[in-house]
Amino acid sequence: MAEILGESQRPRFVTIGLTFSNYEPQTILGLLKKIAGPHGWVFINSQMRDRVDMIALEKVYAEDALTLADDKLALLGLNPDADVTPRKADDGIRVWCSVIKPSAEIEEKGIAKGDELLVFQSLRYVPTQLEVEIKKASDTYHLFDTGSSFIAALIQA
């Protein structure tokens, strides 16, 4: 996306909500900062694990959201019902499965029978973990914490 937008003489303001949780923090923060460009700003919103019922959230993902990755598995030439194990959510809200029958597409990438695939994640942090990740990405940031289940951050690119 940053390459498509190209460099700008004006700073950009880039924002992402809960989707922030679907990525490893340094990966998504780096991409957002690149899109914002020099002197730009990134605004994120992240749900805190100690402010939400994680057992209920894990149950939602374990029961209802496990098919979220089925279309993506199919794009890899895998039958979600026959070529991988049933998806399982862990307490970090990561959804995993193991390969039963590898497709030609994934064998070319070195993935073999028995390998585990991370097919979905929606990470939750405690406030101190989130701040540590933000500090790795930028020296200049401001946290917005109203005590709700979400904390927002404004981060200089």
C-alpha atoms as a PDB file:
ATOM      1  CA  MET A   1       0.000   0.000   0.000  1.00  0.00           C
ATOM      2  CA  ALA A   2       2.765   2.485   0.840  1.00  0.00           C
ATOM      3  CA  GLU A   3       4.362   1.847  -2.536  1.00  0.00           C
ATOM      4  CA  ILE A   4       1.063   2.436  -4.331  1.00  0.00           C
ATOM      5  CA  LEU A   5       0.447   5.733  -2.522  1.00  0.00           C
ATOM      6  CA  GLY A   6       3.989   6.907  -3.124  1.00  0.00           C
ATOM      7  CA  GLU A   7       5.773   9.574  -1.143  1.00  0.00           C
ATOM      8  CA  SER A   8       3.864  12.679  -0.148  1.00  0.00           C
ATOM      9  CA  GLN A   9       4.983  16.186   0.687  1.00  0.00           C
ATOM     10  CA  ARG A  10       2.182  16.291   3.234  1.00  0.00           C
ATOM     11  CA  PRO A  11       2.084  14.167   6.356  1.00  0.00           C
ATOM     12  CA  ARG A  12      -0.611  11.490   6.317  1.00  0.00           C
ATOM     13  CA  PHE A  13      -2.902  10.450   9.147  1.00  0.00           C
ATOM     14  CA  VAL A  14      -3.442   6.678   9.030  1.00  0.00           C
ATOM     15  CA  THR A  15      -5.862   4.858  11.297  1.00  0.00           C
ATOM     16  CA  ILE A  16      -6.770   1.241  11.977  1.00  0.00           C
ATOM     17  CA  GLY A  17      -9.187  -0.156  14.534  1.00  0.00           C
ATOM     18  CA  LEU A  18      -9.530  -3.649  15.945  1.00  0.00           C
ATOM     19  CA  THR A  19      -7.986  -5.069  12.747  1.00  0.00           C
ATOM     20  CA  PHE A  20      -4.679  -3.988  14.344  1.00  0.00           C
ATOM     21  CA  SER A  21      -5.072  -7.146  16.464  1.00  0.00           C
ATOM     22  CA  ASN A  22      -4.888  -9.404  13.419  1.00  0.00           C
ATOM     23  CA  TYR A  23      -1.202  -8.645  12.825  1.00  0.00           C
ATOM     24  CA  GLU A  24       2.054  -8.965  14.676  1.00  0.00           C
ATOM     25  CA  PRO A  25       2.438  -5.493  16.175  1.00  0.00           C
ATOM     26  CA  GLN A  26       5.801  -4.502  14.675  1.00  0.00           C
ATOM     27  CA  THR A  27       4.734  -5.682  11.226  1.00  0.00           C
ATOM     28  CA  ILE A  28       1.532  -3.629  11.156  1.00  0.00           C
ATOM     29  CA  LEU A  29       3.058  -0.597  12.901  1.00  0.00           C
ATOM     30  CA  GLY A  30       5.919  -0.565  10.394  1.00  0.00           C
ATOM     31  CA  LEU A  31       3.502  -0.729   7.467  1.00  0.00           C
ATOM     32  CA  LEU A  32       1.261   1.998   8.894  1.00  0.00           C
ATOM     33  CA  LYS A  33       4.247   4.261   9.571  1.00  0.00           C
ATOM     34  CA  LYS A  34       5.447   3.747   6.007  1.00  0.00           C
ATOM     35  CA  ILE A  35       2.009   4.719   4.691  1.00  0.00           C
ATOM     36  CA  ALA A  36       1.916   7.782   6.991  1.00  0.00           C
ATOM     37  CA  GLY A  37       5.309   8.867   5.683  1.00  0.00           C
ATOM     38  CA  PRO A  38       7.751  11.306   7.229  1.00  0.00           C
ATOM     39  CA  HIS A  39       6.115  13.486   9.881  1.00  0.00           C
ATOM     40  CA  GLY A  40       2.854  11.542   9.543  1.00  0.00           C
ATOM     41  CA  TRP A  41       0.791  10.000  12.320  1.00  0.00           C
ATOM     42  CA  VAL A  42      -0.700   6.577  12.980  1.00  0.00           C
ATOM     43  CA  PHE A  43      -3.790   6.081  15.142  1.00  0.00           C
ATOM     44  CA  ILE A  44      -4.527   2.582  16.443  1.00  0.00           C
ATOM     45  CA  ASN A  45      -7.180   1.097  18.674  1.00  0.00           C
ATOM     46  CA  SER A  46      -6.536  -2.146  20.534  1.00  0.00           C
ATOM     47  CA  GLN A  47      -8.705  -4.199  22.872  1.00  0.00           C
ATOM     48  CA  MET A  48      -7.098  -5.080  26.207  1.00  0.00           C
ATOM     49  CA  ARG A  49      -7.197  -8.697  27.329  1.00  0.00           C
ATOM     50  CA  ASP A  50      -7.523  -7.776  30.998  1.00  0.00           C
ATOM     51  CA  ARG A  51     -10.631  -5.689  30.243  1.00  0.00           C
ATOM     52  CA  VAL A  52     -12.627  -8.234  28.290  1.00  0.00           C
ATOM     53  CA  ASP A  53     -13.942 -11.704  29.115  1.00  0.00           C
ATOM     54  CA  MET A  54     -11.241 -13.705  27.350  1.00  0.00           C
ATOM     55  CA  ILE A  55     -12.958 -17.038  28.057  1.00  0.00           C
ATOM     56  CA  ALA A  56     -16.109 -15.825  26.308  1.00  0.00           C
ATOM     57  CA  LEU A  57     -14.062 -14.346  23.464  1.00  0.00           C
ATOM     58  CA  GLU A  58     -12.103 -17.577  23.016  1.00  0.00           C
ATOM     59  CA  LYS A  59     -15.407 -19.478  22.961  1.00  0.00           C
ATOM     60  CA  VAL A  60     -16.743 -17.221  20.200  1.00  0.00           C
ATOM     61  CA  TYR A  61     -13.665 -17.894  18.087  1.00  0.00           C
ATOM     62  CA  ALA A  62     -13.653 -21.590  18.953  1.00  0.00           C
ATOM     63  CA  GLU A  63     -17.297 -22.068  17.968  1.00  0.00           C
ATOM     64  CA  ASP A  64     -18.263 -19.424  15.458  1.00  0.00           C
ATOM     65  CA  ALA A  65     -15.161 -18.008  13.835  1.00  0.00           C
ATOM     66  CA  LEU A  66     -13.173 -21.127  13.040  1.00  0.00           C
ATOM     67  CA  THR A  67     -14.404 -21.112   9.469  1.00  0.00           C
ATOM     68  CA  LEU A  68     -12.932 -17.625   8.892  1.00  0.00           C
ATOM     69  CA  ALA A  69      -9.893 -19.169   7.265  1.00  0.00           C
ATOM     70  CA  ASP A  70     -11.671 -21.784   5.144  1.00  0.00           C
ATOM     71  CA  ASP A  71     -11.660 -19.657   1.977  1.00  0.00           C
ATOM     72  CA  LYS A  72      -7.969 -18.895   2.471  1.00  0.00           C
ATOM     73  CA  LEU A  73      -7.188 -22.593   2.951  1.00  0.00           C
ATOM     74  CA  ALA A  74      -9.058 -23.290  -0.292  1.00  0.00           C
ATOM     75  CA  LEU A  75      -6.884 -20.706  -2.079  1.00  0.00           C
ATOM     76  CA  LEU A  76      -3.907 -22.809  -1.011  1.00  0.00           C
ATOM     77  CA  GLY A  77      -5.469 -25.860  -2.648  1.00  0.00           C
ATOM     78  CA  LEU A  78      -6.595 -27.342   0.661  1.00  0.00           C
ATOM     79  CA  ASN A  79     -10.027 -28.752   1.376  1.00  0.00           C
ATOM     80  CA  PRO A  80     -10.827 -27.259   4.811  1.00  0.00           C
ATOM     81  CA  ASP A  81     -12.928 -30.313   5.702  1.00  0.00           C
ATOM     82  CA  ALA A  82     -10.510 -33.032   4.612  1.00  0.00           C
ATOM     83  CA  ASP A  83      -6.960 -31.738   4.164  1.00  0.00           C
ATOM     84  CA  VAL A  84      -6.450 -30.076   7.567  1.00  0.00           C
ATOM     85  CA  THR A  85      -7.440 -30.860  11.119  1.00  0.00           C
ATOM     86  CA  PRO A  86     -10.359 -29.042  12.730  1.00  0.00           C
ATOM     87  CA  ARG A  87      -9.323 -25.517  13.657  1.00  0.00           C
ATOM     88  CA  LYS A  88      -8.609 -24.839  17.338  1.00  0.00           C
ATOM     89  CA  ALA A  89      -8.429 -21.463  19.076  1.00  0.00           C
ATOM     90  CA  ASP A  90      -5.924 -20.887  21.876  1.00  0.00           C
ATOM     91  CA  ASP A  91      -6.175 -18.416  24.739  1.00  0.00           C
ATOM     92  CA  GLY A  92      -4.227 -15.850  22.730  1.00  0.00           C
ATOM     93  CA  ILE A  93      -7.026 -15.956  20.158  1.00  0.00           C
ATOM     94  CA  ARG A  94      -4.896 -17.623  17.548  1.00  0.00           C
ATOM     95  CA  VAL A  95      -6.547 -20.273  15.387  1.00  0.00           C
ATOM     96  CA  TRP A  96      -4.439 -23.232  14.298  1.00  0.00           C
ATOM     97  CA  CYS A  97      -4.798 -26.392  12.255  1.00  0.00           C
ATOM     98  CA  SER A  98      -2.441 -29.124  11.100  1.00  0.00           C
ATOM     99  CA  VAL A  99      -1.944 -30.316   7.552  1.00  0.00           C
ATOM    100  CA  ILE A 100      -3.293 -33.810   6.902  1.00  0.00           C
ATOM    101  CA  LYS A 101      -2.910 -33.852   3.116  1.00  0.00           C
ATOM    102  CA  PRO A 102      -0.657 -31.127   1.654  1.00  0.00           C
ATOM    103  CA  SER A 103      -1.598 -29.597  -1.671  1.00  0.00           C
ATOM    104  CA  ALA A 104       0.935 -29.079  -4.446  1.00  0.00           C
ATOM    105  CA  GLU A 105       0.821 -25.324  -3.762  1.00  0.00           C
ATOM    106  CA  ILE A 106       1.959 -25.632  -0.160  1.00  0.00           C
ATOM    107  CA  GLU A 107       4.378 -28.499  -0.784  1.00  0.00           C
ATOM    108  CA  GLU A 108       6.224 -26.140  -3.164  1.00  0.00           C
ATOM    109  CA  LYS A 109       6.641 -23.790  -0.183  1.00  0.00           C
ATOM    110  CA  GLY A 110       8.065 -26.554   2.004  1.00  0.00           C
ATOM    111  CA  ILE A 111       4.935 -27.243   4.059  1.00  0.00           C
ATOM    112  CA  ALA A 112       4.473 -30.940   4.788  1.00  0.00           C
ATOM    113  CA  LYS A 113       1.988 -33.306   6.404  1.00  0.00           C
ATOM    114  CA  GLY A 114       1.804 -32.638  10.155  1.00  0.00           C
ATOM    115  CA  ASP A 115       2.945 -29.002   9.903  1.00  0.00           C
ATOM    116  CA  GLU A 116       0.844 -26.553  11.891  1.00  0.00           C
ATOM    117  CA  LEU A 117      -0.692 -23.560  10.186  1.00  0.00           C
ATOM    118  CA  LEU A 118      -1.649 -20.347  11.949  1.00  0.00           C
ATOM    119  CA  VAL A 119      -4.776 -19.458   9.986  1.00  0.00           C
ATOM    120  CA  PHE A 120      -6.156 -16.538  11.999  1.00  0.00           C
ATOM    121  CA  GLN A 121      -5.244 -14.359  14.943  1.00  0.00           C
ATOM    122  CA  SER A 122      -6.861 -11.553  16.858  1.00  0.00           C
ATOM    123  CA  LEU A 123      -4.264 -10.696  19.487  1.00  0.00           C
ATOM    124  CA  ARG A 124      -5.125  -8.999  22.757  1.00  0.00           C
ATOM    125  CA  TYR A 125      -2.613  -7.236  24.991  1.00  0.00           C
ATOM    126  CA  VAL A 126      -2.499  -5.838  28.491  1.00  0.00           C
ATOM    127  CA  PRO A 127      -1.782  -2.087  28.541  1.00  0.00           C
ATOM    128  CA  THR A 128       1.904  -2.507  29.422  1.00  0.00           C
ATOM    129  CA  GLN A 129       2.440  -4.965  26.533  1.00  0.00           C
ATOM    130  CA  LEU A 130       0.810  -2.585  24.077  1.00  0.00           C
ATOM    131  CA  GLU A 131       2.960   0.300  25.254  1.00  0.00           C
ATOM    132  CA  VAL A 132       6.133  -1.791  24.925  1.00  0.00           C
ATOM    133  CA  GLU A 133       5.237  -2.560  21.298  1.00  0.00           C
ATOM    134  CA  ILE A 134       4.456   1.086  20.559  1.00  0.00           C
ATOM    135  CA  LYS A 135       7.756   2.223  22.116  1.00  0.00           C
ATOM    136  CA  LYS A 136       9.617  -0.167  19.800  1.00  0.00           C
ATOM    137  CA  ALA A 137       7.979   1.564  16.842  1.00  0.00           C
ATOM    138  CA  SER A 138       8.270   5.217  17.867  1.00  0.00           C
ATOM    139  CA  ASP A 139       9.641   7.511  20.541  1.00  0.00           C
ATOM    140  CA  THR A 140       6.736   9.904  20.087  1.00  0.00           C
ATOM    141  CA  TYR A 141       3.264   8.627  20.947  1.00  0.00           C
ATOM    142  CA  HIS A 142       0.294   9.359  23.189  1.00  0.00           C
ATOM    143  CA  LEU A 143      -2.020   6.769  24.732  1.00  0.00           C
ATOM    144  CA  PHE A 144      -5.739   7.425  25.142  1.00  0.00           C
ATOM    145  CA  ASP A 145      -7.192   5.303  27.935  1.00  0.00           C
ATOM    146  CA  THR A 146     -10.714   5.987  29.131  1.00  0.00           C
ATOM    147  CA  GLY A 147     -10.881   2.769  31.125  1.00  0.00           C
ATOM    148  CA  SER A 148     -12.968   0.966  28.485  1.00  0.00           C
ATOM    149  CA  SER A 149     -11.861  -2.329  26.968  1.00  0.00           C
ATOM    150  CA  PHE A 150      -9.946  -0.403  24.279  1.00  0.00           C
ATOM    151  CA  ILE A 151      -6.852   1.773  24.410  1.00  0.00           C
ATOM    152  CA  ALA A 152      -6.032   4.024  21.492  1.00  0.00           C
ATOM    153  CA  ALA A 153      -2.630   5.387  20.578  1.00  0.00           C
ATOM    154  CA  LEU A 154      -1.473   8.242  18.400  1.00  0.00           C
ATOM    155  CA  ILE A 155       1.994   7.414  17.090  1.00  0.00           C
ATOM    156  CA  GLN A 156       4.369   9.633  15.131  1.00  0.00           C
ATOM    157  CA  ALA A 157       5.658   7.920  12.027  1.00  0.00           C
END
